[in-house]
C-alpha atoms as a PDB file:
ATOM      1  CA  UNK A   1      99.250 101.039 122.489  1.00  0.00           C
ATOM      2  CA  UNK A   2      96.428 103.613 121.977  1.00  0.00           C
ATOM      3  CA  UNK A   3      96.583 106.278 119.306  1.00  0.00           C
ATOM      4  CA  UNK A   4      96.947 108.986 122.019  1.00  0.00           C
ATOM      5  CA  UNK A   5      99.857 107.180 123.409  1.00  0.00           C
ATOM      6  CA  UNK A   6     101.563 106.855 119.945  1.00  0.00           C
ATOM      7  CA  UNK A   7     101.039 110.533 119.341  1.00  0.00           C
ATOM      8  CA  UNK A   8     102.441 111.503 122.788  1.00  0.00           C
ATOM      9  CA  UNK A   9     105.395 109.223 122.311  1.00  0.00           C
ATOM     10  CA  UNK A  10     106.099 110.616 118.858  1.00  0.00           C
ATOM     11  CA  UNK A  11     105.863 114.185 120.114  1.00  0.00           C
ATOM     12  CA  UNK A  12     108.236 113.494 123.093  1.00  0.00           C
ATOM     13  CA  UNK A  13     110.806 111.888 120.773  1.00  0.00           C
ATOM     14  CA  UNK A  14     110.558 114.731 118.378  1.00  0.00           C
ATOM     15  CA  UNK A  15     111.230 117.291 121.015  1.00  0.00           C
ATOM     16  CA  UNK A  16     114.038 115.287 122.327  1.00  0.00           C
ATOM     17  CA  UNK A  17     115.745 115.006 118.967  1.00  0.00           C
ATOM     18  CA  UNK A  18     114.735 118.557 118.062  1.00  0.00           C
ATOM     19  CA  UNK A  19     113.116 117.189 114.992  1.00  0.00           C
ATOM     20  CA  UNK A  20     109.438 118.200 114.634  1.00  0.00           C
ATOM     21  CA  UNK A  21     106.797 115.814 113.448  1.00  0.00           C
ATOM     22  CA  UNK A  22     104.744 116.475 110.433  1.00  0.00           C
ATOM     23  CA  UNK A  23     101.610 115.256 108.899  1.00  0.00           C
ATOM     24  CA  UNK A  24     101.613 113.717 105.303  1.00  0.00           C
ATOM     25  CA  UNK A  25      99.619 111.562 103.075  1.00  0.00           C
ATOM     26  CA  UNK A  26     100.376 108.282 101.364  1.00  0.00           C
ATOM     27  CA  UNK A  27      98.781 105.443  99.395  1.00  0.00           C
ATOM     28  CA  UNK A  28      99.019 101.783 100.148  1.00  0.00           C
ATOM     29  CA  UNK A  29     100.813 100.137  97.335  1.00  0.00           C
ATOM     30  CA  UNK A  30     101.203  96.648  98.975  1.00  0.00           C
ATOM     31  CA  UNK A  31      99.554  94.962 101.917  1.00  0.00           C
ATOM     32  CA  UNK A  32     101.719  91.986 102.365  1.00  0.00           C
ATOM     33  CA  UNK A  33     104.373  93.159 102.981  1.00  0.00           C
ATOM     34  CA  UNK A  34     102.973  96.541 103.856  1.00  0.00           C
ATOM     35  CA  UNK A  35     104.317  99.370 101.771  1.00  0.00           C
ATOM     36  CA  UNK A  36     103.201 102.990 101.542  1.00  0.00           C
ATOM     37  CA  UNK A  37     103.922 105.450  98.718  1.00  0.00           C
ATOM     38  CA  UNK A  38     104.407 109.033 100.100  1.00  0.00           C
ATOM     39  CA  UNK A  39     103.703 111.966  97.849  1.00  0.00           C
ATOM     40  CA  UNK A  40     104.709 109.926  94.823  1.00  0.00           C
ATOM     41  CA  UNK A  41     108.320 110.565  95.896  1.00  0.00           C
ATOM     42  CA  UNK A  42     109.228 107.498  97.831  1.00  0.00           C
ATOM     43  CA  UNK A  43     107.895 104.425  99.522  1.00  0.00           C
ATOM     44  CA  UNK A  44     108.182 103.260 103.134  1.00  0.00           C
ATOM     45  CA  UNK A  45     108.226  99.560 104.188  1.00  0.00           C
ATOM     46  CA  UNK A  46     106.635  97.946 107.167  1.00  0.00           C
ATOM     47  CA  UNK A  47     109.844  98.390 109.251  1.00  0.00           C
ATOM     48  CA  UNK A  48     109.106 102.145 109.339  1.00  0.00           C
ATOM     49  CA  UNK A  49     105.376 101.969 109.840  1.00  0.00           C
ATOM     50  CA  UNK A  50     103.374 101.951 113.076  1.00  0.00           C
ATOM     51  CA  UNK A  51      99.581 101.122 112.849  1.00  0.00           C
ATOM     52  CA  UNK A  52      96.722 102.407 114.948  1.00  0.00           C
ATOM     53  CA  UNK A  53      93.564 100.348 115.704  1.00  0.00           C
ATOM     54  CA  UNK A  54      91.865 102.480 112.871  1.00  0.00           C
ATOM     55  CA  UNK A  55      93.585 100.493 110.194  1.00  0.00           C
ATOM     56  CA  UNK A  56      93.697  96.950 111.236  1.00  0.00           C
ATOM     57  CA  UNK A  57      91.149  94.039 111.466  1.00  0.00           C
ATOM     58  CA  UNK A  58      90.274  93.495 115.116  1.00  0.00           C
ATOM     59  CA  UNK A  59      87.907  91.709 117.355  1.00  0.00           C
ATOM     60  CA  UNK A  60      85.606  93.439 119.771  1.00  0.00           C
ATOM     61  CA  UNK A  61      82.853  92.557 122.132  1.00  0.00           C
ATOM     62  CA  UNK A  62      79.219  93.861 121.637  1.00  0.00           C
ATOM     63  CA  UNK A  63      76.187  93.658 123.675  1.00  0.00           C
ATOM     64  CA  UNK A  64      72.779  92.834 122.015  1.00  0.00           C
ATOM     65  CA  UNK A  65      69.630  94.368 123.283  1.00  0.00           C
ATOM     66  CA  UNK A  66      68.874  91.327 125.462  1.00  0.00           C
ATOM     67  CA  UNK A  67      72.094  91.679 127.262  1.00  0.00           C
ATOM     68  CA  UNK A  68      73.938  88.906 125.524  1.00  0.00           C
ATOM     69  CA  UNK A  69      77.538  89.586 124.788  1.00  0.00           C
ATOM     70  CA  UNK A  70      78.988  88.525 121.514  1.00  0.00           C
ATOM     71  CA  UNK A  71      82.252  88.997 119.702  1.00  0.00           C
ATOM     72  CA  UNK A  72      82.384  90.695 116.402  1.00  0.00           C
ATOM     73  CA  UNK A  73      85.170  91.176 113.947  1.00  0.00           C
ATOM     74  CA  UNK A  74      85.736  94.805 112.533  1.00  0.00           C
ATOM     75  CA  UNK A  75      87.301  94.539 109.109  1.00  0.00           C
ATOM     76  CA  UNK A  76      89.348  97.766 108.913  1.00  0.00           C
ATOM     77  CA  UNK A  77      92.554  96.408 107.611  1.00  0.00           C
ATOM     78  CA  UNK A  78      94.348  98.398 104.846  1.00  0.00           C
ATOM     79  CA  UNK A  79      93.878  97.521 101.192  1.00  0.00           C
ATOM     80  CA  UNK A  80      95.935  98.425  98.142  1.00  0.00           C
ATOM     81  CA  UNK A  81      94.818 101.785  96.959  1.00  0.00           C
ATOM     82  CA  UNK A  82      93.736 103.144 100.320  1.00  0.00           C
ATOM     83  CA  UNK A  83      94.831 106.714 100.904  1.00  0.00           C
ATOM     84  CA  UNK A  84      96.149 107.181 104.407  1.00  0.00           C
ATOM     85  CA  UNK A  85      97.028 110.105 106.891  1.00  0.00           C
ATOM     86  CA  UNK A  86     100.405 109.584 108.362  1.00  0.00           C
ATOM     87  CA  UNK A  87     102.249 111.371 111.242  1.00  0.00           C
ATOM     88  CA  UNK A  88     106.008 111.404 110.591  1.00  0.00           C
ATOM     89  CA  UNK A  89     107.942 110.986 113.707  1.00  0.00           C
ATOM     90  CA  UNK A  90     111.696 110.734 114.868  1.00  0.00           C
ATOM     91  CA  UNK A  91     113.122 112.883 112.065  1.00  0.00           C
ATOM     92  CA  UNK A  92     111.395 110.695 109.476  1.00  0.00           C
ATOM     93  CA  UNK A  93     112.439 107.339 110.691  1.00  0.00           C
ATOM     94  CA  UNK A  94     108.966 106.217 111.712  1.00  0.00           C
ATOM     95  CA  UNK A  95     105.499 106.851 110.328  1.00  0.00           C
ATOM     96  CA  UNK A  96     102.204 106.328 112.192  1.00  0.00           C
ATOM     97  CA  UNK A  97      99.225 105.566 110.050  1.00  0.00           C
ATOM     98  CA  UNK A  98      96.511 107.521 111.811  1.00  0.00           C
ATOM     99  CA  UNK A  99      93.570 106.680 109.523  1.00  0.00           C
ATOM    100  CA  UNK A 100      92.299 106.402 105.936  1.00  0.00           C
ATOM    101  CA  UNK A 101      91.363 109.464 103.960  1.00  0.00           C
ATOM    102  CA  UNK A 102      87.750 109.591 102.644  1.00  0.00           C
ATOM    103  CA  UNK A 103      86.969 111.508  99.558  1.00  0.00           C
ATOM    104  CA  UNK A 104      83.632 113.372  99.645  1.00  0.00           C
END
């Protein structure tokens, strides 16, 4: 499911339940099993987390200049200590990890 589809699904469910979505921040405290600490108040476990392709390892196909297609692995999986941007949906029952935060 694409990130746009996930956001649309979250928005539709929020309207249906009369419970708006909100954006929050968190920190990955464990990768296996996945656990995110939100605002130093509480942690959510993998049962309540949805991931986008921005935060997982994935394989993709690339084309080299000479037209040869190759497969490449993108290592974007979450790591302990990563700060993430989350979209809270369904009255707080599910959280979608949209992406990592980058400090500049």
